[in-house]
């Protein structure tokens, strides 16, 4: 079973093209100033089987690929490798964010980790580092993070075609949810200021 924090079945800000995104639950890295602390705790997400997620992905039309975020996807490498292999069979791309570096992952010498790596087209590695805050490149928030092309599905040219963007959605419960990459502190401040102005009588 895959422990999942959130699914977003169609987004255009979490990698190239339209993508089905899976935020996994659980992370041991605990990077300072992480924007996704709700995904750190293990075992509290929604549990999905590989086949259940794969069937949901197959139902979504016109997506270019899948993005794994977290949490830390490599904490569930065995299951995500199995899912990724099925996804690749559909001709879709696989993008994965990880707080580890590629070298750290390779040094684990773990069969599941290696199988997962072999099924990823674009790996974005390295945890967020506040002192290296940088929004000049797409999908990442600090300059230490690297784009690693593990297959020829994408290449360096793809980076110049995109800029950081955010999406905002209001859920059925009325809660505003934002995804993508941006200066979230500034976004919160601007939103609160605008909300205050709208409420002025």
Protein backbone atom coordinates (compact mmCIF):
# COMPACT_ATOMS: atom_id res chain seq x y z
CA UNK A 1 0.00 0.00 0.00
CA UNK A 2 1.08 3.56 -0.71
CA UNK A 3 0.61 6.13 2.05
CA UNK A 4 -0.69 9.29 0.37
CA UNK A 5 -1.06 12.83 1.68
CA UNK A 6 -2.87 14.23 -1.35
CA UNK A 7 -3.76 13.51 -4.96
CA UNK A 8 -4.13 16.18 -7.61
CA UNK A 9 -5.32 14.62 -10.83
CA UNK A 10 -4.65 17.47 -13.21
CA UNK A 11 -2.18 20.29 -12.64
CA UNK A 12 0.08 22.36 -14.85
CA UNK A 13 2.55 23.67 -12.26
CA UNK A 14 4.27 20.53 -10.93
CA UNK A 15 6.41 19.67 -13.93
CA UNK A 16 6.19 19.71 -17.72
CA UNK A 17 2.70 19.72 -19.22
CA UNK A 18 -0.43 18.53 -17.48
CA UNK A 19 0.33 16.05 -14.73
CA UNK A 20 -1.25 13.74 -12.19
CA UNK A 21 0.47 14.49 -8.86
CA UNK A 22 0.86 12.25 -5.86
CA UNK A 23 2.07 13.73 -2.58
CA UNK A 24 3.21 10.83 -0.44
CA UNK A 25 2.95 10.82 3.35
CA UNK A 26 6.07 10.46 5.48
CA UNK A 27 9.52 12.04 5.47
CA UNK A 28 12.59 11.58 7.66
CA UNK A 29 14.52 14.54 6.25
CA UNK A 30 12.68 17.36 8.06
CA UNK A 31 14.42 20.14 6.15
CA UNK A 32 14.32 23.48 8.01
CA UNK A 33 11.64 25.82 6.64
CA UNK A 34 10.04 23.00 4.67
CA UNK A 35 6.71 24.12 3.21
CA UNK A 36 5.19 20.65 3.49
CA UNK A 37 5.50 19.77 7.17
CA UNK A 38 2.05 18.20 7.11
CA UNK A 39 3.58 15.40 5.03
CA UNK A 40 6.31 14.48 7.53
CA UNK A 41 4.48 12.10 9.86
CA UNK A 42 4.34 8.47 8.78
CA UNK A 43 1.26 6.28 8.65
CA UNK A 44 -1.46 8.94 8.78
CA UNK A 45 -2.24 9.35 5.08
CA UNK A 46 -4.82 7.68 2.89
CA UNK A 47 -3.76 4.19 1.84
CA UNK A 48 -4.00 3.20 -1.81
CA UNK A 49 -2.94 0.03 -3.55
CA UNK A 50 -0.68 0.33 -6.59
CA UNK A 51 -3.51 -0.92 -8.80
CA UNK A 52 -5.98 1.58 -7.35
CA UNK A 53 -3.70 4.53 -8.12
CA UNK A 54 -2.84 3.14 -11.54
CA UNK A 55 -6.52 2.80 -12.43
CA UNK A 56 -7.16 6.39 -11.34
CA UNK A 57 -4.27 7.59 -13.49
CA UNK A 58 -5.57 5.70 -16.52
CA UNK A 59 -8.92 7.46 -16.23
CA UNK A 60 -7.41 10.95 -16.57
CA UNK A 61 -7.27 12.25 -20.13
CA UNK A 62 -4.54 14.34 -21.77
CA UNK A 63 -1.89 14.18 -19.09
CA UNK A 64 1.79 14.11 -19.98
CA UNK A 65 2.94 12.31 -16.92
CA UNK A 66 3.04 11.74 -13.19
CA UNK A 67 4.81 13.73 -10.49
CA UNK A 68 5.75 12.30 -7.11
CA UNK A 69 6.26 14.77 -4.27
CA UNK A 70 6.15 14.56 -0.53
CA UNK A 71 6.84 13.79 2.00
CA UNK A 72 9.70 11.73 0.68
CA UNK A 73 8.88 9.40 -2.23
CA UNK A 74 11.98 7.26 -1.68
CA UNK A 75 10.67 6.17 1.72
CA UNK A 76 8.15 4.15 -0.32
CA UNK A 77 10.48 3.23 -3.15
CA UNK A 78 9.30 -0.37 -3.66
CA UNK A 79 5.66 0.55 -4.16
CA UNK A 80 6.37 3.66 -6.24
CA UNK A 81 8.75 1.73 -8.45
CA UNK A 82 5.98 -0.77 -9.18
CA UNK A 83 3.55 2.04 -9.96
CA UNK A 84 6.08 3.91 -12.09
CA UNK A 85 6.77 0.87 -14.25
CA UNK A 86 3.04 0.58 -14.95
CA UNK A 87 2.86 4.30 -15.72
CA UNK A 88 5.75 4.09 -18.15
CA UNK A 89 3.85 1.34 -19.93
CA UNK A 90 1.21 3.95 -20.79
CA UNK A 91 3.82 6.16 -22.44
CA UNK A 92 3.64 8.74 -19.65
CA UNK A 93 6.63 10.44 -18.05
CA UNK A 94 7.65 10.15 -14.43
CA UNK A 95 9.02 13.11 -12.46
CA UNK A 96 10.08 12.74 -8.86
CA UNK A 97 11.13 15.26 -6.22
CA UNK A 98 13.38 14.02 -3.43
CA UNK A 99 15.08 15.62 -0.47
CA UNK A 100 18.02 13.27 -0.94
CA UNK A 101 20.76 13.79 -3.48
CA UNK A 102 21.16 11.24 -6.24
CA UNK A 103 24.47 10.22 -4.72
CA UNK A 104 22.83 9.59 -1.34
CA UNK A 105 20.19 7.43 -2.99
CA UNK A 106 22.73 5.44 -4.97
CA UNK A 107 24.85 4.88 -1.87
CA UNK A 108 21.93 3.10 -0.17
CA UNK A 109 22.55 0.15 -2.50
CA UNK A 110 18.88 -0.75 -2.11
CA UNK A 111 17.11 -2.77 -4.80
CA UNK A 112 13.83 -0.87 -4.42
CA UNK A 113 15.54 2.52 -4.58
CA UNK A 114 17.53 1.48 -7.66
CA UNK A 115 14.43 0.11 -9.40
CA UNK A 116 12.54 3.33 -8.65
CA UNK A 117 15.42 5.41 -10.02
CA UNK A 118 15.42 3.32 -13.20
CA UNK A 119 11.76 4.20 -13.81
CA UNK A 120 12.12 7.98 -13.34
CA UNK A 121 12.63 10.31 -16.31
CA UNK A 122 13.38 13.50 -14.42
CA UNK A 123 14.65 13.52 -10.84
CA UNK A 124 14.75 16.82 -8.96
CA UNK A 125 17.01 16.21 -5.99
CA UNK A 126 18.05 18.03 -2.84
CA UNK A 127 16.02 19.43 0.02
CA UNK A 128 14.87 23.04 0.23
CA UNK A 129 17.55 25.30 1.73
CA UNK A 130 16.35 28.68 2.95
CA UNK A 131 19.75 30.37 2.60
CA UNK A 132 19.75 29.37 -1.08
CA UNK A 133 16.21 30.58 -1.77
CA UNK A 134 15.84 31.03 -5.52
CA UNK A 135 12.71 31.05 -7.66
CA UNK A 136 14.42 31.73 -10.98
CA UNK A 137 14.05 28.13 -12.20
CA UNK A 138 10.84 26.17 -12.64
CA UNK A 139 9.41 23.85 -9.96
CA UNK A 140 12.20 24.42 -7.40
CA UNK A 141 12.69 26.86 -4.54
CA UNK A 142 16.42 26.82 -3.80
CA UNK A 143 19.54 26.90 -5.94
CA UNK A 144 20.99 23.63 -4.58
CA UNK A 145 18.24 21.56 -6.18
CA UNK A 146 19.25 19.79 -9.37
CA UNK A 147 17.47 18.58 -12.49
CA UNK A 148 18.79 15.11 -13.28
CA UNK A 149 17.67 13.57 -16.56
CA UNK A 150 17.69 9.81 -16.05
CA UNK A 151 16.23 9.00 -19.48
CA UNK A 152 15.99 10.84 -22.77
CA UNK A 153 12.27 11.65 -22.29
CA UNK A 154 13.31 15.20 -21.31
CA UNK A 155 16.49 17.22 -21.63
CA UNK A 156 17.90 20.51 -20.38
CA UNK A 157 15.89 22.44 -22.97
CA UNK A 158 12.69 21.75 -21.04
CA UNK A 159 13.89 24.02 -18.21
CA UNK A 160 13.82 27.14 -20.39
CA UNK A 161 10.23 26.51 -21.46
CA UNK A 162 8.66 26.89 -18.02
CA UNK A 163 8.52 29.35 -15.15
CA UNK A 164 7.37 28.94 -11.58
CA UNK A 165 3.64 29.33 -11.19
CA UNK A 166 1.01 28.53 -8.62
CA UNK A 167 -2.54 27.23 -8.81
CA UNK A 168 -5.26 28.03 -6.31
CA UNK A 169 -8.32 25.87 -5.72
CA UNK A 170 -11.20 26.10 -3.31
CA UNK A 171 -12.21 22.68 -2.04
CA UNK A 172 -15.67 21.41 -1.26
CA UNK A 173 -15.01 22.30 2.37
CA UNK A 174 -14.31 25.91 1.38
CA UNK A 175 -10.60 25.59 2.12
CA UNK A 176 -8.20 27.39 -0.18
CA UNK A 177 -5.40 25.15 -1.42
CA UNK A 178 -2.34 26.39 -3.29
CA UNK A 179 0.16 24.25 -5.16
CA UNK A 180 3.10 24.94 -7.39
CA UNK A 181 6.19 26.96 -6.53
CA UNK A 182 6.33 30.57 -5.38
CA UNK A 183 7.10 32.79 -2.42
CA UNK A 184 4.39 31.34 -0.20
CA UNK A 185 5.07 33.73 2.67
CA UNK A 186 4.51 36.66 0.34
CA UNK A 187 1.43 35.01 -1.13
CA UNK A 188 -0.06 34.58 2.35
CA UNK A 189 0.69 38.20 3.24
CA UNK A 190 -0.85 39.50 0.02
CA UNK A 191 -3.90 37.28 0.40
CA UNK A 192 -4.47 38.40 3.98
CA UNK A 193 -4.05 42.06 3.04
CA UNK A 194 -6.49 41.71 0.14
CA UNK A 195 -8.97 39.83 2.31
CA UNK A 196 -8.74 42.60 4.90
CA UNK A 197 -9.41 45.28 2.30
CA UNK A 198 -12.42 43.40 0.98
CA UNK A 199 -13.86 43.22 4.45
CA UNK A 200 -13.54 46.93 5.13
CA UNK A 201 -17.00 48.51 5.26
